[in-house]
């Protein structure tokens, strides 16, 4: 899944560790989300959206995977 997490984190000048602390997840989880290796759970996606003041749709783009 494509996302803007890295871009939004950079706009706030937060390290991955700082974002992880704010979300109560590991830095490795933030890295995996940013690199597209891990899709966050719905509650985590909502927490990310709330933290950045954006809608989930503005941050996460599922792309065409699974589209018919």
N, C-alpha and C. Protein backbone atom coordinates (compact mmCIF):
# COMPACT_ATOMS: atom_id res chain seq x y z
N UNK A 1 0.85 -1.18 0.00
CA UNK A 1 0.00 0.00 0.00
C UNK A 1 0.89 1.24 0.00
N UNK A 2 0.61 2.13 -0.90
CA UNK A 2 1.33 3.40 -0.93
C UNK A 2 0.82 4.30 0.18
N UNK A 3 1.73 5.09 0.73
CA UNK A 3 1.29 6.02 1.79
C UNK A 3 2.22 7.23 1.85
N UNK A 4 1.77 8.23 2.59
CA UNK A 4 2.50 9.49 2.75
C UNK A 4 3.09 9.64 4.15
N UNK A 5 3.23 8.56 4.88
CA UNK A 5 3.68 8.65 6.27
C UNK A 5 5.06 9.28 6.36
N UNK A 6 5.99 8.85 5.53
CA UNK A 6 7.35 9.41 5.57
C UNK A 6 7.31 10.91 5.28
N UNK A 7 6.56 11.29 4.27
CA UNK A 7 6.43 12.71 3.90
C UNK A 7 5.85 13.54 5.05
N UNK A 8 4.79 13.04 5.66
CA UNK A 8 4.16 13.78 6.76
C UNK A 8 5.08 13.84 7.98
N UNK A 9 5.78 12.75 8.25
CA UNK A 9 6.72 12.73 9.38
C UNK A 9 7.81 13.77 9.16
N UNK A 10 8.31 13.85 7.93
CA UNK A 10 9.37 14.82 7.61
C UNK A 10 8.86 16.25 7.77
N UNK A 11 7.61 16.50 7.38
CA UNK A 11 7.04 17.84 7.52
C UNK A 11 7.00 18.28 8.99
N UNK A 12 6.86 17.31 9.89
CA UNK A 12 6.84 17.60 11.32
C UNK A 12 8.23 17.52 11.96
N UNK A 13 9.23 17.19 11.15
CA UNK A 13 10.61 17.05 11.61
C UNK A 13 10.73 16.04 12.74
N UNK A 14 9.98 14.94 12.61
CA UNK A 14 10.04 13.86 13.59
C UNK A 14 10.89 12.73 13.05
N UNK A 15 11.66 12.11 13.91
CA UNK A 15 12.38 10.90 13.54
C UNK A 15 11.38 9.74 13.55
N UNK A 16 11.81 8.62 13.00
CA UNK A 16 10.94 7.44 13.06
C UNK A 16 10.67 7.06 14.52
N UNK A 17 11.68 7.20 15.36
CA UNK A 17 11.52 6.86 16.77
C UNK A 17 10.51 7.79 17.45
N UNK A 18 10.54 9.08 17.12
CA UNK A 18 9.59 10.02 17.71
C UNK A 18 8.16 9.71 17.27
N UNK A 19 7.98 9.40 15.99
CA UNK A 19 6.65 9.05 15.51
C UNK A 19 6.19 7.76 16.17
N UNK A 20 7.07 6.79 16.27
CA UNK A 20 6.73 5.52 16.91
C UNK A 20 6.27 5.73 18.34
N UNK A 21 6.97 6.59 19.07
CA UNK A 21 6.59 6.87 20.46
C UNK A 21 5.20 7.50 20.53
N UNK A 22 4.92 8.42 19.63
CA UNK A 22 3.61 9.08 19.61
C UNK A 22 2.49 8.11 19.28
N UNK A 23 2.82 7.07 18.50
CA UNK A 23 1.81 6.09 18.10
C UNK A 23 1.81 4.85 18.99
N UNK A 24 2.75 4.77 19.91
CA UNK A 24 2.91 3.62 20.80
C UNK A 24 3.17 2.33 20.01
N UNK A 25 4.07 2.43 19.03
CA UNK A 25 4.53 1.28 18.26
C UNK A 25 6.05 1.33 18.22
N UNK A 26 6.66 0.32 17.63
CA UNK A 26 8.13 0.31 17.53
C UNK A 26 8.59 1.14 16.34
N UNK A 27 9.84 1.56 16.38
CA UNK A 27 10.43 2.27 15.25
C UNK A 27 10.42 1.37 14.02
N UNK A 28 10.62 0.08 14.23
CA UNK A 28 10.62 -0.87 13.12
C UNK A 28 9.25 -0.91 12.44
N UNK A 29 8.19 -0.77 13.21
CA UNK A 29 6.84 -0.73 12.64
C UNK A 29 6.68 0.49 11.76
N UNK A 30 7.13 1.65 12.23
CA UNK A 30 7.06 2.87 11.43
C UNK A 30 7.84 2.69 10.14
N UNK A 31 9.04 2.14 10.23
CA UNK A 31 9.85 1.91 9.04
C UNK A 31 9.14 0.98 8.07
N UNK A 32 8.56 -0.09 8.56
CA UNK A 32 7.87 -1.05 7.70
C UNK A 32 6.65 -0.42 7.01
N UNK A 33 5.94 0.44 7.73
CA UNK A 33 4.80 1.14 7.13
C UNK A 33 5.30 2.07 6.03
N UNK A 34 6.32 2.86 6.34
CA UNK A 34 6.85 3.83 5.37
C UNK A 34 7.36 3.16 4.10
N UNK A 35 7.95 1.99 4.22
CA UNK A 35 8.52 1.31 3.06
C UNK A 35 7.52 0.39 2.37
N UNK A 36 6.28 0.33 2.89
CA UNK A 36 5.25 -0.48 2.27
C UNK A 36 5.36 -1.96 2.56
N UNK A 37 6.18 -2.33 3.53
CA UNK A 37 6.34 -3.75 3.88
C UNK A 37 5.27 -4.21 4.86
N UNK A 38 4.55 -3.27 5.45
CA UNK A 38 3.54 -3.60 6.45
C UNK A 38 2.37 -2.63 6.29
N UNK A 39 1.17 -3.18 6.19
CA UNK A 39 -0.03 -2.36 6.17
C UNK A 39 -0.55 -2.25 7.59
N UNK A 40 -0.74 -1.04 8.09
CA UNK A 40 -1.18 -0.88 9.48
C UNK A 40 -2.59 -1.41 9.68
N UNK A 41 -2.88 -1.81 10.90
CA UNK A 41 -4.24 -2.19 11.26
C UNK A 41 -5.13 -0.96 11.13
N UNK A 42 -6.42 -1.18 11.07
CA UNK A 42 -7.34 -0.04 10.96
C UNK A 42 -7.21 0.90 12.16
N UNK A 43 -7.15 0.39 13.40
CA UNK A 43 -6.96 1.32 14.53
C UNK A 43 -5.67 2.12 14.43
N UNK A 44 -4.59 1.50 13.95
CA UNK A 44 -3.32 2.23 13.81
C UNK A 44 -3.42 3.24 12.68
N UNK A 45 -4.08 2.89 11.59
CA UNK A 45 -4.27 3.84 10.49
C UNK A 45 -5.06 5.05 10.96
N UNK A 46 -6.10 4.83 11.77
CA UNK A 46 -6.87 5.94 12.32
C UNK A 46 -6.00 6.79 13.23
N UNK A 47 -5.15 6.16 14.04
CA UNK A 47 -4.27 6.90 14.95
C UNK A 47 -3.29 7.77 14.15
N UNK A 48 -2.76 7.22 13.06
CA UNK A 48 -1.84 7.97 12.22
C UNK A 48 -2.56 9.17 11.60
N UNK A 49 -3.75 8.92 11.07
CA UNK A 49 -4.53 10.00 10.45
C UNK A 49 -4.86 11.09 11.47
N UNK A 50 -5.27 10.69 12.65
CA UNK A 50 -5.61 11.65 13.72
C UNK A 50 -4.38 12.47 14.10
N UNK A 51 -3.25 11.82 14.24
CA UNK A 51 -2.02 12.50 14.64
C UNK A 51 -1.62 13.58 13.63
N UNK A 52 -1.78 13.28 12.35
CA UNK A 52 -1.39 14.24 11.31
C UNK A 52 -2.53 15.16 10.89
N UNK A 53 -3.73 14.95 11.44
CA UNK A 53 -4.86 15.80 11.09
C UNK A 53 -5.31 15.63 9.65
N UNK A 54 -5.21 14.42 9.16
CA UNK A 54 -5.58 14.10 7.78
C UNK A 54 -6.59 12.94 7.80
N UNK A 55 -7.27 12.75 6.68
CA UNK A 55 -8.13 11.58 6.55
C UNK A 55 -7.26 10.37 6.21
N UNK A 56 -7.76 9.19 6.50
CA UNK A 56 -7.03 7.97 6.15
C UNK A 56 -6.78 7.95 4.64
N UNK A 57 -7.79 8.34 3.87
CA UNK A 57 -7.67 8.33 2.41
C UNK A 57 -6.59 9.29 1.91
N UNK A 58 -6.34 10.36 2.65
CA UNK A 58 -5.31 11.32 2.25
C UNK A 58 -3.90 10.80 2.53
N UNK A 59 -3.80 9.79 3.39
CA UNK A 59 -2.49 9.25 3.76
C UNK A 59 -2.21 7.92 3.08
N UNK A 60 -3.21 7.06 3.03
CA UNK A 60 -3.03 5.71 2.50
C UNK A 60 -3.77 5.52 1.18
N UNK A 61 -3.06 4.97 0.20
CA UNK A 61 -3.65 4.67 -1.10
C UNK A 61 -3.45 3.18 -1.37
N UNK A 62 -4.54 2.43 -1.35
CA UNK A 62 -4.39 0.99 -1.55
C UNK A 62 -3.95 0.62 -2.96
N UNK A 63 -3.98 1.57 -3.89
CA UNK A 63 -3.55 1.29 -5.25
C UNK A 63 -4.53 0.37 -5.95
N UNK A 64 -4.02 -0.40 -6.86
CA UNK A 64 -4.88 -1.27 -7.65
C UNK A 64 -4.78 -2.73 -7.22
N UNK A 65 -4.03 -3.01 -6.19
CA UNK A 65 -3.88 -4.38 -5.75
C UNK A 65 -5.25 -4.96 -5.43
N UNK A 66 -5.60 -6.06 -6.06
CA UNK A 66 -6.87 -6.71 -5.81
C UNK A 66 -8.03 -6.09 -6.58
N UNK A 67 -7.79 -5.03 -7.34
CA UNK A 67 -8.87 -4.41 -8.12
C UNK A 67 -9.22 -5.28 -9.31
N UNK A 68 -10.48 -5.20 -9.72
CA UNK A 68 -10.93 -6.00 -10.88
C UNK A 68 -11.33 -5.11 -11.99
